[in-house]
Amino acid sequence: MIMVTSDFIAGKTIKKTLGLVRGNTIRARHIGRDIKAALKNIVGGEITDYTKMMAESREQALDRMVEEAEGLEANAIINVRFTTSMIMQSASEILAFGTAVIVE
């Protein structure tokens, strides 16, 4: 599956636009991570547990978006974007979305 953030794919022609596809995941923070993050906040630096959690969340959202596009028989997704929102105090949603297309 080709995925790009642009509205075209160099060297390819869009033959058919299939529509919006998306994938999301909602993750809650773990109390142990919060304690480590609070301590890290005092001394500064990267909070690697959260970095890892967000990277895993992005990959899961992308995988779900690709699965939806494959269900439409797309071979590419253009205009791929991410957004995030806080669902509640300790949970966030990652949403990946784009336009499923067939390219040649």
PDB file of N, CA and C in Angstrom:
ATOM      1  N   MET A   1       0.846  -1.172   0.000  1.00  0.00           N
ATOM      2  CA  MET A   1       0.000   0.000   0.000  1.00  0.00           C
ATOM      3  C   MET A   1       0.893   1.238   0.000  1.00  0.00           C
ATOM      4  N   ILE A   2       0.675   2.103  -0.959  1.00  0.00           N
ATOM      5  CA  ILE A   2       1.395   3.376  -1.014  1.00  0.00           C
ATOM      6  C   ILE A   2       0.627   4.378  -0.154  1.00  0.00           C
ATOM      7  N   MET A   3       1.332   5.084   0.733  1.00  0.00           N
ATOM      8  CA  MET A   3       0.723   6.143   1.545  1.00  0.00           C
ATOM      9  C   MET A   3       1.573   7.393   1.417  1.00  0.00           C
ATOM     10  N   VAL A   4       0.919   8.505   1.097  1.00  0.00           N
ATOM     11  CA  VAL A   4       1.628   9.775   0.973  1.00  0.00           C
ATOM     12  C   VAL A   4       0.818  10.884   1.627  1.00  0.00           C
ATOM     13  N   THR A   5       1.514  11.945   2.017  1.00  0.00           N
ATOM     14  CA  THR A   5       0.839  13.094   2.603  1.00  0.00           C
ATOM     15  C   THR A   5       0.440  14.120   1.544  1.00  0.00           C
ATOM     16  N   SER A   6       0.860  13.913   0.315  1.00  0.00           N
ATOM     17  CA  SER A   6       0.508  14.830  -0.771  1.00  0.00           C
ATOM     18  C   SER A   6      -0.773  14.375  -1.453  1.00  0.00           C
ATOM     19  N   ASP A   7      -1.275  15.216  -2.376  1.00  0.00           N
ATOM     20  CA  ASP A   7      -2.502  14.856  -3.081  1.00  0.00           C
ATOM     21  C   ASP A   7      -2.225  14.161  -4.414  1.00  0.00           C
ATOM     22  N   PHE A   8      -0.991  13.758  -4.616  1.00  0.00           N
ATOM     23  CA  PHE A   8      -0.622  12.993  -5.809  1.00  0.00           C
ATOM     24  C   PHE A   8       0.543  12.089  -5.455  1.00  0.00           C
ATOM     25  N   ILE A   9       0.802  11.118  -6.338  1.00  0.00           N
ATOM     26  CA  ILE A   9       1.947  10.224  -6.164  1.00  0.00           C
ATOM     27  C   ILE A   9       2.793  10.362  -7.421  1.00  0.00           C
ATOM     28  N   ALA A  10       4.007  10.816  -7.275  1.00  0.00           N
ATOM     29  CA  ALA A  10       4.889  11.034  -8.427  1.00  0.00           C
ATOM     30  C   ALA A  10       5.005   9.764  -9.264  1.00  0.00           C
ATOM     31  N   GLY A  11       4.809   9.921 -10.571  1.00  0.00           N
ATOM     32  CA  GLY A  11       4.938   8.801 -11.488  1.00  0.00           C
ATOM     33  C   GLY A  11       3.707   7.912 -11.563  1.00  0.00           C
ATOM     34  N   LYS A  12       2.670   8.235 -10.825  1.00  0.00           N
ATOM     35  CA  LYS A  12       1.438   7.438 -10.818  1.00  0.00           C
ATOM     36  C   LYS A  12       0.268   8.322 -11.255  1.00  0.00           C
ATOM     37  N   THR A  13      -0.738   7.673 -11.825  1.00  0.00           N
ATOM     38  CA  THR A  13      -1.962   8.358 -12.210  1.00  0.00           C
ATOM     39  C   THR A  13      -3.106   7.825 -11.375  1.00  0.00           C
ATOM     40  N   ILE A  14      -3.864   8.718 -10.758  1.00  0.00           N
ATOM     41  CA  ILE A  14      -5.025   8.302  -9.981  1.00  0.00           C
ATOM     42  C   ILE A  14      -6.138   7.951 -10.960  1.00  0.00           C
ATOM     43  N   LYS A  15      -6.552   6.704 -10.937  1.00  0.00           N
ATOM     44  CA  LYS A  15      -7.601   6.214 -11.834  1.00  0.00           C
ATOM     45  C   LYS A  15      -8.982   6.297 -11.199  1.00  0.00           C
ATOM     46  N   LYS A  16      -9.031   6.149  -9.866  1.00  0.00           N
ATOM     47  CA  LYS A  16     -10.321   6.187  -9.201  1.00  0.00           C
ATOM     48  C   LYS A  16     -10.137   6.622  -7.752  1.00  0.00           C
ATOM     49  N   THR A  17     -11.008   7.510  -7.301  1.00  0.00           N
ATOM     50  CA  THR A  17     -11.032   7.922  -5.901  1.00  0.00           C
ATOM     51  C   THR A  17     -12.130   7.143  -5.206  1.00  0.00           C
ATOM     52  N   LEU A  18     -11.774   6.457  -4.128  1.00  0.00           N
ATOM     53  CA  LEU A  18     -12.714   5.581  -3.436  1.00  0.00           C
ATOM     54  C   LEU A  18     -13.318   6.217  -2.195  1.00  0.00           C
ATOM     55  N   GLY A  19     -12.682   7.247  -1.682  1.00  0.00           N
ATOM     56  CA  GLY A  19     -13.243   7.965  -0.536  1.00  0.00           C
ATOM     57  C   GLY A  19     -12.378   7.959   0.699  1.00  0.00           C
ATOM     58  N   LEU A  20     -12.931   8.551   1.731  1.00  0.00           N
ATOM     59  CA  LEU A  20     -12.245   8.712   3.012  1.00  0.00           C
ATOM     60  C   LEU A  20     -12.038   7.364   3.693  1.00  0.00           C
ATOM     61  N   VAL A  21     -10.839   7.165   4.205  1.00  0.00           N
ATOM     62  CA  VAL A  21     -10.545   6.007   5.056  1.00  0.00           C
ATOM     63  C   VAL A  21      -9.898   6.512   6.334  1.00  0.00           C
ATOM     64  N   ARG A  22     -10.114   5.778   7.394  1.00  0.00           N
ATOM     65  CA  ARG A  22      -9.572   6.221   8.671  1.00  0.00           C
ATOM     66  C   ARG A  22      -9.287   5.036   9.573  1.00  0.00           C
ATOM     67  N   GLY A  23      -8.443   5.285  10.525  1.00  0.00           N
ATOM     68  CA  GLY A  23      -8.138   4.297  11.552  1.00  0.00           C
ATOM     69  C   GLY A  23      -7.844   5.045  12.831  1.00  0.00           C
ATOM     70  N   ASN A  24      -8.316   4.535  13.940  1.00  0.00           N
ATOM     71  CA  ASN A  24      -8.051   5.224  15.192  1.00  0.00           C
ATOM     72  C   ASN A  24      -7.765   4.243  16.307  1.00  0.00           C
ATOM     73  N   THR A  25      -7.231   4.766  17.364  1.00  0.00           N
ATOM     74  CA  THR A  25      -7.017   4.012  18.590  1.00  0.00           C
ATOM     75  C   THR A  25      -7.090   4.986  19.751  1.00  0.00           C
ATOM     76  N   ILE A  26      -7.541   4.495  20.863  1.00  0.00           N
ATOM     77  CA  ILE A  26      -7.599   5.303  22.083  1.00  0.00           C
ATOM     78  C   ILE A  26      -6.753   4.590  23.120  1.00  0.00           C
ATOM     79  N   ARG A  27      -5.822   5.324  23.669  1.00  0.00           N
ATOM     80  CA  ARG A  27      -4.905   4.746  24.656  1.00  0.00           C
ATOM     81  C   ARG A  27      -5.007   5.500  25.978  1.00  0.00           C
ATOM     82  N   ALA A  28      -4.971   4.745  27.047  1.00  0.00           N
ATOM     83  CA  ALA A  28      -4.964   5.326  28.388  1.00  0.00           C
ATOM     84  C   ALA A  28      -3.561   5.222  28.963  1.00  0.00           C
ATOM     85  N   ARG A  29      -3.197   6.218  29.724  1.00  0.00           N
ATOM     86  CA  ARG A  29      -1.893   6.193  30.381  1.00  0.00           C
ATOM     87  C   ARG A  29      -1.928   5.221  31.556  1.00  0.00           C
ATOM     88  N   HIS A  30      -0.774   4.729  31.883  1.00  0.00           N
ATOM     89  CA  HIS A  30      -0.614   3.789  33.001  1.00  0.00           C
ATOM     90  C   HIS A  30      -0.092   4.580  34.196  1.00  0.00           C
ATOM     91  N   ILE A  31      -0.606   4.302  35.378  1.00  0.00           N
ATOM     92  CA  ILE A  31      -0.207   5.039  36.580  1.00  0.00           C
ATOM     93  C   ILE A  31       1.302   4.990  36.814  1.00  0.00           C
ATOM     94  N   GLY A  32       1.920   3.845  36.519  1.00  0.00           N
ATOM     95  CA  GLY A  32       3.377   3.740  36.669  1.00  0.00           C
ATOM     96  C   GLY A  32       4.100   4.692  35.734  1.00  0.00           C
ATOM     97  N   ARG A  33       3.592   4.831  34.509  1.00  0.00           N
ATOM     98  CA  ARG A  33       4.190   5.767  33.557  1.00  0.00           C
ATOM     99  C   ARG A  33       4.015   7.205  34.036  1.00  0.00           C
ATOM    100  N   ASP A  34       2.849   7.489  34.634  1.00  0.00           N
ATOM    101  CA  ASP A  34       2.602   8.843  35.129  1.00  0.00           C
ATOM    102  C   ASP A  34       3.589   9.224  36.237  1.00  0.00           C
ATOM    103  N   ILE A  35       3.888   8.289  37.108  1.00  0.00           N
ATOM    104  CA  ILE A  35       4.838   8.556  38.195  1.00  0.00           C
ATOM    105  C   ILE A  35       6.225   8.823  37.611  1.00  0.00           C
ATOM    106  N   LYS A  36       6.652   7.970  36.663  1.00  0.00           N
ATOM    107  CA  LYS A  36       7.957   8.171  36.032  1.00  0.00           C
ATOM    108  C   LYS A  36       7.982   9.495  35.263  1.00  0.00           C
ATOM    109  N   ALA A  37       6.873   9.844  34.611  1.00  0.00           N
ATOM    110  CA  ALA A  37       6.802  11.099  33.853  1.00  0.00           C
ATOM    111  C   ALA A  37       6.888  12.295  34.788  1.00  0.00           C
ATOM    112  N   ALA A  38       6.238  12.215  35.933  1.00  0.00           N
ATOM    113  CA  ALA A  38       6.287  13.312  36.898  1.00  0.00           C
ATOM    114  C   ALA A  38       7.711  13.523  37.398  1.00  0.00           C
ATOM    115  N   LEU A  39       8.421  12.416  37.637  1.00  0.00           N
ATOM    116  CA  LEU A  39       9.817  12.536  38.070  1.00  0.00           C
ATOM    117  C   LEU A  39      10.685  13.110  36.952  1.00  0.00           C
ATOM    118  N   LYS A  40      10.431  12.679  35.721  1.00  0.00           N
ATOM    119  CA  LYS A  40      11.193  13.173  34.575  1.00  0.00           C
ATOM    120  C   LYS A  40      10.923  14.665  34.368  1.00  0.00           C
ATOM    121  N   ASN A  41       9.715  15.096  34.678  1.00  0.00           N
ATOM    122  CA  ASN A  41       9.346  16.502  34.536  1.00  0.00           C
ATOM    123  C   ASN A  41      10.191  17.384  35.455  1.00  0.00           C
ATOM    124  N   ILE A  42      10.607  16.853  36.566  1.00  0.00           N
ATOM    125  CA  ILE A  42      11.432  17.602  37.515  1.00  0.00           C
ATOM    126  C   ILE A  42      12.834  17.814  36.955  1.00  0.00           C
ATOM    127  N   VAL A  43      13.422  16.772  36.383  1.00  0.00           N
ATOM    128  CA  VAL A  43      14.800  16.852  35.892  1.00  0.00           C
ATOM    129  C   VAL A  43      14.882  17.193  34.406  1.00  0.00           C
ATOM    130  N   GLY A  44      13.780  17.044  33.689  1.00  0.00           N
ATOM    131  CA  GLY A  44      13.759  17.370  32.254  1.00  0.00           C
ATOM    132  C   GLY A  44      14.160  16.186  31.398  1.00  0.00           C
ATOM    133  N   GLY A  45      13.912  16.313  30.118  1.00  0.00           N
ATOM    134  CA  GLY A  45      14.283  15.280  29.166  1.00  0.00           C
ATOM    135  C   GLY A  45      13.076  14.581  28.567  1.00  0.00           C
ATOM    136  N   GLU A  46      13.353  13.669  27.664  1.00  0.00           N
ATOM    137  CA  GLU A  46      12.308  12.939  26.970  1.00  0.00           C
ATOM    138  C   GLU A  46      11.649  11.913  27.882  1.00  0.00           C
ATOM    139  N   ILE A  47      10.354  11.796  27.777  1.00  0.00           N
ATOM    140  CA  ILE A  47       9.613  10.785  28.517  1.00  0.00           C
ATOM    141  C   ILE A  47       9.434   9.610  27.555  1.00  0.00           C
ATOM    142  N   THR A  48      10.389   8.711  27.585  1.00  0.00           N
ATOM    143  CA  THR A  48      10.472   7.651  26.571  1.00  0.00           C
ATOM    144  C   THR A  48       9.276   6.694  26.607  1.00  0.00           C
ATOM    145  N   ASP A  49       8.693   6.456  27.777  1.00  0.00           N
ATOM    146  CA  ASP A  49       7.519   5.579  27.848  1.00  0.00           C
ATOM    147  C   ASP A  49       6.363   6.162  27.041  1.00  0.00           C
ATOM    148  N   TYR A  50       6.163   7.464  27.132  1.00  0.00           N
ATOM    149  CA  TYR A  50       5.089   8.107  26.369  1.00  0.00           C
ATOM    150  C   TYR A  50       5.433   8.161  24.886  1.00  0.00           C
ATOM    151  N   THR A  51       6.697   8.388  24.575  1.00  0.00           N
ATOM    152  CA  THR A  51       7.120   8.404  23.173  1.00  0.00           C
ATOM    153  C   THR A  51       6.820   7.062  22.528  1.00  0.00           C
ATOM    154  N   LYS A  52       7.158   5.986  23.229  1.00  0.00           N
ATOM    155  CA  LYS A  52       6.905   4.638  22.720  1.00  0.00           C
ATOM    156  C   LYS A  52       5.406   4.377  22.581  1.00  0.00           C
ATOM    157  N   MET A  53       4.627   4.777  23.577  1.00  0.00           N
ATOM    158  CA  MET A  53       3.187   4.563  23.534  1.00  0.00           C
ATOM    159  C   MET A  53       2.553   5.306  22.349  1.00  0.00           C
ATOM    160  N   MET A  54       2.972   6.529  22.100  1.00  0.00           N
ATOM    161  CA  MET A  54       2.407   7.306  20.994  1.00  0.00           C
ATOM    162  C   MET A  54       2.835   6.732  19.650  1.00  0.00           C
ATOM    163  N   ALA A  55       4.075   6.257  19.542  1.00  0.00           N
ATOM    164  CA  ALA A  55       4.539   5.633  18.291  1.00  0.00           C
ATOM    165  C   ALA A  55       3.733   4.372  17.994  1.00  0.00           C
ATOM    166  N   GLU A  56       3.498   3.555  19.010  1.00  0.00           N
ATOM    167  CA  GLU A  56       2.687   2.348  18.835  1.00  0.00           C
ATOM    168  C   GLU A  56       1.257   2.711  18.434  1.00  0.00           C
ATOM    169  N   SER A  57       0.725   3.754  19.018  1.00  0.00           N
ATOM    170  CA  SER A  57      -0.632   4.203  18.705  1.00  0.00           C
ATOM    171  C   SER A  57      -0.740   4.675  17.264  1.00  0.00           C
ATOM    172  N   ARG A  58       0.256   5.432  16.796  1.00  0.00           N
ATOM    173  CA  ARG A  58       0.248   5.893  15.401  1.00  0.00           C
ATOM    174  C   ARG A  58       0.288   4.720  14.440  1.00  0.00           C
ATOM    175  N   GLU A  59       1.133   3.732  14.727  1.00  0.00           N
ATOM    176  CA  GLU A  59       1.223   2.555  13.860  1.00  0.00           C
ATOM    177  C   GLU A  59      -0.086   1.777  13.836  1.00  0.00           C
ATOM    178  N   GLN A  60      -0.714   1.644  14.985  1.00  0.00           N
ATOM    179  CA  GLN A  60      -1.987   0.927  15.038  1.00  0.00           C
ATOM    180  C   GLN A  60      -3.058   1.679  14.251  1.00  0.00           C
ATOM    181  N   ALA A  61      -3.108   2.993  14.376  1.00  0.00           N
ATOM    182  CA  ALA A  61      -4.076   3.792  13.620  1.00  0.00           C
ATOM    183  C   ALA A  61      -3.819   3.669  12.116  1.00  0.00           C
ATOM    184  N   LEU A  62      -2.547   3.709  11.711  1.00  0.00           N
ATOM    185  CA  LEU A  62      -2.210   3.528  10.293  1.00  0.00           C
ATOM    186  C   LEU A  62      -2.627   2.150   9.791  1.00  0.00           C
ATOM    187  N   ASP A  63      -2.341   1.124  10.573  1.00  0.00           N
ATOM    188  CA  ASP A  63      -2.711  -0.243  10.185  1.00  0.00           C
ATOM    189  C   ASP A  63      -4.219  -0.367   9.980  1.00  0.00           C
ATOM    190  N   ARG A  64      -4.988   0.252  10.851  1.00  0.00           N
ATOM    191  CA  ARG A  64      -6.445   0.188  10.736  1.00  0.00           C
ATOM    192  C   ARG A  64      -6.938   0.969   9.514  1.00  0.00           C
ATOM    193  N   MET A  65      -6.294   2.086   9.214  1.00  0.00           N
ATOM    194  CA  MET A  65      -6.656   2.858   8.032  1.00  0.00           C
ATOM    195  C   MET A  65      -6.359   2.053   6.764  1.00  0.00           C
ATOM    196  N   VAL A  66      -5.191   1.418   6.714  1.00  0.00           N
ATOM    197  CA  VAL A  66      -4.815   0.593   5.562  1.00  0.00           C
ATOM    198  C   VAL A  66      -5.798  -0.561   5.398  1.00  0.00           C
ATOM    199  N   GLU A  67      -6.183  -1.176   6.496  1.00  0.00           N
ATOM    200  CA  GLU A  67      -7.144  -2.281   6.442  1.00  0.00           C
ATOM    201  C   GLU A  67      -8.468  -1.819   5.815  1.00  0.00           C
ATOM    202  N   GLU A  68      -8.921  -0.644   6.202  1.00  0.00           N
ATOM    203  CA  GLU A  68     -10.158  -0.107   5.624  1.00  0.00           C
ATOM    204  C   GLU A  68      -9.982   0.167   4.126  1.00  0.00           C
ATOM    205  N   ALA A  69      -8.827   0.718   3.738  1.00  0.00           N
ATOM    206  CA  ALA A  69      -8.556   1.002   2.320  1.00  0.00           C
ATOM    207  C   ALA A  69      -8.490  -0.290   1.508  1.00  0.00           C
ATOM    208  N   GLU A  70      -7.860  -1.311   2.062  1.00  0.00           N
ATOM    209  CA  GLU A  70      -7.794  -2.599   1.369  1.00  0.00           C
ATOM    210  C   GLU A  70      -9.179  -3.198   1.181  1.00  0.00           C
ATOM    211  N   GLY A  71     -10.063  -2.962   2.134  1.00  0.00           N
ATOM    212  CA  GLY A  71     -11.432  -3.422   2.013  1.00  0.00           C
ATOM    213  C   GLY A  71     -12.174  -2.773   0.848  1.00  0.00           C
ATOM    214  N   LEU A  72     -11.723  -1.576   0.479  1.00  0.00           N
ATOM    215  CA  LEU A  72     -12.284  -0.874  -0.687  1.00  0.00           C
ATOM    216  C   LEU A  72     -11.533  -1.224  -1.972  1.00  0.00           C
ATOM    217  N   GLU A  73     -10.521  -2.090  -1.856  1.00  0.00           N
ATOM    218  CA  GLU A  73      -9.657  -2.508  -2.958  1.00  0.00           C
ATOM    219  C   GLU A  73      -8.764  -1.375  -3.470  1.00  0.00           C
ATOM    220  N   ALA A  74      -8.419  -0.457  -2.595  1.00  0.00           N
ATOM    221  CA  ALA A  74      -7.488   0.621  -2.932  1.00  0.00           C
ATOM    222  C   ALA A  74      -6.067   0.070  -2.953  1.00  0.00           C
ATOM    223  N   ASN A  75      -5.195   0.723  -3.721  1.00  0.00           N
ATOM    224  CA  ASN A  75      -3.784   0.357  -3.678  1.00  0.00           C
ATOM    225  C   ASN A  75      -2.915   1.522  -3.215  1.00  0.00           C
ATOM    226  N   ALA A  76      -3.590   2.620  -2.821  1.00  0.00           N
ATOM    227  CA  ALA A  76      -2.858   3.780  -2.304  1.00  0.00           C
ATOM    228  C   ALA A  76      -3.783   4.639  -1.455  1.00  0.00           C
ATOM    229  N   ILE A  77      -3.160   5.428  -0.587  1.00  0.00           N
ATOM    230  CA  ILE A  77      -3.889   6.415   0.213  1.00  0.00           C
ATOM    231  C   ILE A  77      -3.137   7.729   0.076  1.00  0.00           C
ATOM    232  N   ILE A  78      -3.852   8.758  -0.347  1.00  0.00           N
ATOM    233  CA  ILE A  78      -3.234  10.085  -0.486  1.00  0.00           C
ATOM    234  C   ILE A  78      -3.747  10.996   0.624  1.00  0.00           C
ATOM    235  N   ASN A  79      -3.071  12.124   0.791  1.00  0.00           N
ATOM    236  CA  ASN A  79      -3.447  13.127   1.803  1.00  0.00           C
ATOM    237  C   ASN A  79      -3.544  12.535   3.208  1.00  0.00           C
ATOM    238  N   VAL A  80      -2.604  11.685   3.571  1.00  0.00           N
ATOM    239  CA  VAL A  80      -2.622  11.056   4.892  1.00  0.00           C
ATOM    240  C   VAL A  80      -2.322  12.116   5.953  1.00  0.00           C
ATOM    241  N   ARG A  81      -3.143  12.106   6.981  1.00  0.00           N
ATOM    242  CA  ARG A  81      -3.001  13.050   8.092  1.00  0.00           C
ATOM    243  C   ARG A  81      -3.212  12.319   9.407  1.00  0.00           C
ATOM    244  N   PHE A  82      -2.721  12.933  10.486  1.00  0.00           N
ATOM    245  CA  PHE A  82      -2.944  12.452  11.846  1.00  0.00           C
ATOM    246  C   PHE A  82      -3.574  13.574  12.651  1.00  0.00           C
ATOM    247  N   THR A  83      -4.387  13.190  13.572  1.00  0.00           N
ATOM    248  CA  THR A  83      -4.889  14.141  14.557  1.00  0.00           C
ATOM    249  C   THR A  83      -4.976  13.424  15.890  1.00  0.00           C
ATOM    250  N   THR A  84      -4.930  14.178  16.943  1.00  0.00           N
ATOM    251  CA  THR A  84      -5.036  13.594  18.278  1.00  0.00           C
ATOM    252  C   THR A  84      -5.974  14.440  19.108  1.00  0.00           C
ATOM    253  N   SER A  85      -6.648  13.799  20.030  1.00  0.00           N
ATOM    254  CA  SER A  85      -7.529  14.528  20.929  1.00  0.00           C
ATOM    255  C   SER A  85      -7.554  13.822  22.277  1.00  0.00           C
ATOM    256  N   MET A  86      -7.806  14.614  23.300  1.00  0.00           N
ATOM    257  CA  MET A  86      -7.895  14.053  24.643  1.00  0.00           C
ATOM    258  C   MET A  86      -9.335  13.616  24.874  1.00  0.00           C
ATOM    259  N   ILE A  87      -9.527  12.369  25.203  1.00  0.00           N
ATOM    260  CA  ILE A  87     -10.867  11.825  25.434  1.00  0.00           C
ATOM    261  C   ILE A  87     -11.298  12.077  26.879  1.00  0.00           C
ATOM    262  N   MET A  88     -10.383  11.854  27.776  1.00  0.00           N
ATOM    263  CA  MET A  88     -10.595  12.115  29.200  1.00  0.00           C
ATOM    264  C   MET A  88      -9.233  12.406  29.815  1.00  0.00           C
ATOM    265  N   GLN A  89      -9.178  12.666  31.079  1.00  0.00           N
ATOM    266  CA  GLN A  89      -7.933  13.086  31.731  1.00  0.00           C
ATOM    267  C   GLN A  89      -6.736  12.206  31.397  1.00  0.00           C
ATOM    268  N   SER A  90      -6.923  10.902  31.307  1.00  0.00           N
ATOM    269  CA  SER A  90      -5.770  10.027  31.111  1.00  0.00           C
ATOM    270  C   SER A  90      -5.849   9.191  29.829  1.00  0.00           C
ATOM    271  N   ALA A  91      -6.657   9.626  28.843  1.00  0.00           N
ATOM    272  CA  ALA A  91      -6.777   8.861  27.605  1.00  0.00           C
ATOM    273  C   ALA A  91      -6.793   9.797  26.403  1.00  0.00           C
ATOM    274  N   SER A  92      -6.105   9.378  25.348  1.00  0.00           N
ATOM    275  CA  SER A  92      -6.038  10.168  24.123  1.00  0.00           C
ATOM    276  C   SER A  92      -6.373   9.299  22.928  1.00  0.00           C
ATOM    277  N   GLU A  93      -6.931   9.942  21.899  1.00  0.00           N
ATOM    278  CA  GLU A  93      -7.223   9.262  20.649  1.00  0.00           C
ATOM    279  C   GLU A  93      -6.227   9.718  19.594  1.00  0.00           C
ATOM    280  N   ILE A  94      -5.746   8.779  18.818  1.00  0.00           N
ATOM    281  CA  ILE A  94      -4.962   9.075  17.623  1.00  0.00           C
ATOM    282  C   ILE A  94      -5.824   8.657  16.441  1.00  0.00           C
ATOM    283  N   LEU A  95      -5.998   9.552  15.488  1.00  0.00           N
ATOM    284  CA  LEU A  95      -6.781   9.265  14.291  1.00  0.00           C
ATOM    285  C   LEU A  95      -5.899   9.497  13.074  1.00  0.00           C
ATOM    286  N   ALA A  96      -5.815   8.491  12.222  1.00  0.00           N
ATOM    287  CA  ALA A  96      -5.124   8.617  10.927  1.00  0.00           C
ATOM    288  C   ALA A  96      -6.217   8.601   9.862  1.00  0.00           C
ATOM    289  N   PHE A  97      -6.114   9.503   8.887  1.00  0.00           N
ATOM    290  CA  PHE A  97      -7.121   9.523   7.834  1.00  0.00           C
ATOM    291  C   PHE A  97      -6.513   9.976   6.525  1.00  0.00           C
ATOM    292  N   GLY A  98      -7.161   9.613   5.446  1.00  0.00           N
ATOM    293  CA  GLY A  98      -6.693   9.969   4.114  1.00  0.00           C
ATOM    294  C   GLY A  98      -7.738   9.580   3.077  1.00  0.00           C
ATOM    295  N   THR A  99      -7.368   9.677   1.818  1.00  0.00           N
ATOM    296  CA  THR A  99      -8.272   9.363   0.722  1.00  0.00           C
ATOM    297  C   THR A  99      -7.760   8.105   0.025  1.00  0.00           C
ATOM    298  N   ALA A 100      -8.617   7.086  -0.017  1.00  0.00           N
ATOM    299  CA  ALA A 100      -8.272   5.825  -0.685  1.00  0.00           C
ATOM    300  C   ALA A 100      -8.436   6.011  -2.173  1.00  0.00           C
ATOM    301  N   VAL A 101      -7.430   5.559  -2.935  1.00  0.00           N
ATOM    302  CA  VAL A 101      -7.459   5.692  -4.387  1.00  0.00           C
ATOM    303  C   VAL A 101      -6.912   4.430  -5.042  1.00  0.00           C
ATOM    304  N   ILE A 102      -7.187   4.325  -6.335  1.00  0.00           N
ATOM    305  CA  ILE A 102      -6.559   3.300  -7.163  1.00  0.00           C
ATOM    306  C   ILE A 102      -5.638   4.046  -8.124  1.00  0.00           C
ATOM    307  N   VAL A 103      -4.368   3.665  -8.124  1.00  0.00           N
ATOM    308  CA  VAL A 103      -3.388   4.316  -8.991  1.00  0.00           C
ATOM    309  C   VAL A 103      -2.784   3.303  -9.961  1.00  0.00           C
ATOM    310  N   GLU A 104      -2.297   3.823 -11.085  1.00  0.00           N
ATOM    311  CA  GLU A 104      -1.563   3.009 -12.064  1.00  0.00           C
ATOM    312  C   GLU A 104      -0.198   3.625 -12.279  1.00  0.00           C
TER     313      GLU A 104
END
